[in-house]
Amino acid sequence: MVRGKKIEFTLKKIFIEFHCSKCDKDQKVEVDEYAFSFGESPCELCGSHGNLSVDVKCPDCKNLRGLDIKSW
């Protein structure tokens, strides 16, 4: 890893592809940075548990759901 160099970028669009179980279709939706959420809680056995998820809405049936991106 190179230290001292700052990486700058501009996020233009984020697309999430998922299968909606309610309308049984594959969907691709655009999300913004506010759709992402993160949670973490301490654990006496292993240190901590947490997750990173994104909230998406199916464009066909309007079903709102949270998709888990990573858990630990």
N, C-alpha and C. Protein backbone atom coordinates (compact mmCIF):
# COMPACT_ATOMS: atom_id res chain seq x y z
N MET A 1 0.83 -1.17 0.00
CA MET A 1 0.00 0.00 0.00
C MET A 1 0.88 1.24 0.00
N VAL A 2 0.59 2.16 -0.85
CA VAL A 2 1.35 3.40 -0.96
C VAL A 2 0.72 4.43 -0.03
N ARG A 3 1.52 4.97 0.83
CA ARG A 3 1.03 5.99 1.78
C ARG A 3 1.32 7.38 1.22
N GLY A 4 0.48 8.31 1.59
CA GLY A 4 0.72 9.68 1.20
C GLY A 4 -0.01 10.10 -0.06
N LYS A 5 -0.50 9.18 -0.84
CA LYS A 5 -1.23 9.53 -2.05
C LYS A 5 -2.73 9.43 -1.77
N LYS A 6 -3.42 10.49 -2.06
CA LYS A 6 -4.86 10.52 -1.84
C LYS A 6 -5.57 10.18 -3.14
N ILE A 7 -6.50 9.27 -3.06
CA ILE A 7 -7.27 8.87 -4.23
C ILE A 7 -8.58 9.64 -4.21
N GLU A 8 -8.86 10.35 -5.27
CA GLU A 8 -10.11 11.09 -5.38
C GLU A 8 -10.92 10.53 -6.53
N PHE A 9 -12.23 10.43 -6.31
CA PHE A 9 -13.11 9.95 -7.37
C PHE A 9 -14.49 10.55 -7.16
N THR A 10 -15.25 10.56 -8.22
CA THR A 10 -16.63 11.03 -8.17
C THR A 10 -17.54 9.86 -8.52
N LEU A 11 -18.46 9.57 -7.63
CA LEU A 11 -19.39 8.48 -7.85
C LEU A 11 -20.54 8.98 -8.71
N LYS A 12 -20.72 8.38 -9.86
CA LYS A 12 -21.76 8.84 -10.78
C LYS A 12 -23.05 8.05 -10.60
N LYS A 13 -22.98 6.73 -10.74
CA LYS A 13 -24.17 5.89 -10.61
C LYS A 13 -23.81 4.54 -10.00
N ILE A 14 -24.72 4.02 -9.18
CA ILE A 14 -24.58 2.68 -8.62
C ILE A 14 -25.83 1.91 -9.01
N PHE A 15 -25.64 0.77 -9.65
CA PHE A 15 -26.76 -0.09 -10.02
C PHE A 15 -26.69 -1.38 -9.22
N ILE A 16 -27.82 -1.85 -8.74
CA ILE A 16 -27.93 -3.10 -8.02
C ILE A 16 -28.84 -4.02 -8.82
N GLU A 17 -28.38 -5.24 -9.06
CA GLU A 17 -29.20 -6.25 -9.73
C GLU A 17 -29.64 -7.27 -8.69
N PHE A 18 -30.93 -7.63 -8.71
CA PHE A 18 -31.46 -8.59 -7.76
C PHE A 18 -32.68 -9.29 -8.37
N HIS A 19 -33.04 -10.40 -7.76
CA HIS A 19 -34.24 -11.13 -8.17
C HIS A 19 -35.33 -10.85 -7.15
N CYS A 20 -36.45 -10.29 -7.61
CA CYS A 20 -37.57 -10.01 -6.72
C CYS A 20 -38.42 -11.27 -6.59
N SER A 21 -38.53 -11.77 -5.37
CA SER A 21 -39.30 -12.99 -5.15
C SER A 21 -40.81 -12.75 -5.20
N LYS A 22 -41.23 -11.50 -5.00
CA LYS A 22 -42.67 -11.20 -5.01
C LYS A 22 -43.23 -11.22 -6.43
N CYS A 23 -42.55 -10.56 -7.37
CA CYS A 23 -43.04 -10.56 -8.75
C CYS A 23 -42.28 -11.54 -9.64
N ASP A 24 -41.29 -12.26 -9.08
CA ASP A 24 -40.52 -13.30 -9.75
C ASP A 24 -39.83 -12.79 -11.03
N LYS A 25 -39.15 -11.63 -10.90
CA LYS A 25 -38.43 -11.06 -12.03
C LYS A 25 -37.05 -10.60 -11.58
N ASP A 26 -36.10 -10.62 -12.52
CA ASP A 26 -34.79 -10.04 -12.28
C ASP A 26 -34.90 -8.54 -12.51
N GLN A 27 -34.35 -7.76 -11.57
CA GLN A 27 -34.46 -6.31 -11.64
C GLN A 27 -33.09 -5.67 -11.56
N LYS A 28 -32.96 -4.49 -12.13
CA LYS A 28 -31.76 -3.67 -12.04
C LYS A 28 -32.22 -2.26 -11.71
N VAL A 29 -31.81 -1.75 -10.54
CA VAL A 29 -32.24 -0.43 -10.11
C VAL A 29 -31.02 0.43 -9.75
N GLU A 30 -31.18 1.72 -9.90
CA GLU A 30 -30.14 2.66 -9.50
C GLU A 30 -30.39 3.08 -8.06
N VAL A 31 -29.34 3.10 -7.25
CA VAL A 31 -29.46 3.53 -5.85
C VAL A 31 -28.48 4.67 -5.61
N ASP A 32 -28.76 5.46 -4.59
CA ASP A 32 -27.84 6.52 -4.22
C ASP A 32 -27.10 6.13 -2.94
N GLU A 33 -26.24 7.01 -2.47
CA GLU A 33 -25.42 6.68 -1.30
C GLU A 33 -26.24 6.56 -0.02
N TYR A 34 -27.46 7.10 0.00
CA TYR A 34 -28.30 7.03 1.19
C TYR A 34 -29.03 5.70 1.34
N ALA A 35 -28.96 4.85 0.33
CA ALA A 35 -29.62 3.54 0.38
C ALA A 35 -28.79 2.52 1.17
N PHE A 36 -27.54 2.83 1.44
CA PHE A 36 -26.65 1.90 2.14
C PHE A 36 -26.73 2.12 3.64
N SER A 37 -26.65 1.02 4.39
CA SER A 37 -26.63 1.12 5.85
C SER A 37 -25.63 0.12 6.41
N PHE A 38 -25.15 0.42 7.62
CA PHE A 38 -24.12 -0.36 8.25
C PHE A 38 -24.47 -0.51 9.72
N GLY A 39 -24.24 -1.68 10.27
CA GLY A 39 -24.47 -1.90 11.69
C GLY A 39 -23.41 -2.80 12.27
N GLU A 40 -23.06 -2.56 13.53
CA GLU A 40 -22.06 -3.38 14.20
C GLU A 40 -22.40 -3.46 15.68
N SER A 41 -22.19 -4.63 16.26
CA SER A 41 -22.42 -4.80 17.69
C SER A 41 -21.30 -5.64 18.28
N PRO A 42 -20.88 -5.33 19.50
CA PRO A 42 -19.78 -6.07 20.12
C PRO A 42 -20.20 -7.49 20.50
N CYS A 43 -19.23 -8.38 20.50
CA CYS A 43 -19.46 -9.78 20.87
C CYS A 43 -18.34 -10.19 21.84
N GLU A 44 -18.72 -10.77 22.96
CA GLU A 44 -17.72 -11.19 23.95
C GLU A 44 -16.88 -12.36 23.47
N LEU A 45 -17.40 -13.17 22.55
CA LEU A 45 -16.68 -14.36 22.09
C LEU A 45 -15.70 -14.06 20.96
N CYS A 46 -16.13 -13.26 19.96
CA CYS A 46 -15.28 -13.10 18.78
C CYS A 46 -14.89 -11.66 18.49
N GLY A 47 -15.39 -10.70 19.21
CA GLY A 47 -15.03 -9.30 18.95
C GLY A 47 -16.22 -8.47 18.53
N SER A 48 -16.75 -8.74 17.33
CA SER A 48 -17.92 -7.99 16.89
C SER A 48 -18.64 -8.71 15.76
N HIS A 49 -19.89 -8.35 15.59
CA HIS A 49 -20.71 -8.81 14.47
C HIS A 49 -21.23 -7.56 13.78
N GLY A 50 -21.42 -7.65 12.47
CA GLY A 50 -21.93 -6.49 11.76
C GLY A 50 -22.42 -6.86 10.38
N ASN A 51 -22.94 -5.87 9.70
CA ASN A 51 -23.41 -6.09 8.33
C ASN A 51 -23.42 -4.79 7.55
N LEU A 52 -23.34 -4.92 6.25
CA LEU A 52 -23.48 -3.82 5.30
C LEU A 52 -24.62 -4.22 4.38
N SER A 53 -25.63 -3.36 4.25
CA SER A 53 -26.78 -3.69 3.42
C SER A 53 -27.21 -2.49 2.60
N VAL A 54 -28.04 -2.75 1.61
CA VAL A 54 -28.58 -1.69 0.75
C VAL A 54 -30.08 -1.90 0.63
N ASP A 55 -30.84 -0.82 0.70
CA ASP A 55 -32.30 -0.87 0.56
C ASP A 55 -32.67 -0.60 -0.89
N VAL A 56 -33.46 -1.50 -1.47
CA VAL A 56 -33.90 -1.35 -2.86
C VAL A 56 -35.41 -1.51 -2.94
N LYS A 57 -36.00 -0.91 -3.97
CA LYS A 57 -37.43 -1.04 -4.22
C LYS A 57 -37.63 -1.61 -5.61
N CYS A 58 -38.42 -2.67 -5.71
CA CYS A 58 -38.71 -3.28 -7.00
C CYS A 58 -39.53 -2.29 -7.84
N PRO A 59 -39.10 -2.00 -9.07
CA PRO A 59 -39.84 -1.05 -9.89
C PRO A 59 -41.20 -1.57 -10.35
N ASP A 60 -41.39 -2.88 -10.36
CA ASP A 60 -42.67 -3.44 -10.83
C ASP A 60 -43.70 -3.54 -9.71
N CYS A 61 -43.35 -4.20 -8.61
CA CYS A 61 -44.34 -4.43 -7.55
C CYS A 61 -44.20 -3.48 -6.37
N LYS A 62 -43.17 -2.60 -6.40
CA LYS A 62 -42.93 -1.60 -5.34
C LYS A 62 -42.59 -2.22 -3.99
N ASN A 63 -42.15 -3.47 -3.98
CA ASN A 63 -41.76 -4.15 -2.75
C ASN A 63 -40.41 -3.60 -2.29
N LEU A 64 -40.35 -3.12 -1.06
CA LEU A 64 -39.11 -2.58 -0.49
C LEU A 64 -38.42 -3.68 0.31
N ARG A 65 -37.11 -3.84 0.07
CA ARG A 65 -36.37 -4.88 0.77
C ARG A 65 -34.94 -4.44 1.01
N GLY A 66 -34.34 -5.01 2.03
CA GLY A 66 -32.93 -4.77 2.32
C GLY A 66 -32.10 -5.96 1.86
N LEU A 67 -31.10 -5.70 1.08
CA LEU A 67 -30.22 -6.76 0.58
C LEU A 67 -28.91 -6.71 1.36
N ASP A 68 -28.53 -7.84 1.94
CA ASP A 68 -27.30 -7.93 2.71
C ASP A 68 -26.11 -8.06 1.76
N ILE A 69 -25.18 -7.12 1.83
CA ILE A 69 -24.00 -7.16 0.98
C ILE A 69 -22.88 -7.96 1.65
N LYS A 70 -22.66 -7.70 2.94
CA LYS A 70 -21.62 -8.41 3.67
C LYS A 70 -22.02 -8.51 5.13
N SER A 71 -21.76 -9.65 5.72
CA SER A 71 -21.99 -9.87 7.15
C SER A 71 -20.75 -10.50 7.77
N TRP A 72 -20.54 -10.23 9.04
CA TRP A 72 -19.44 -10.86 9.78
C TRP A 72 -19.82 -11.04 11.21
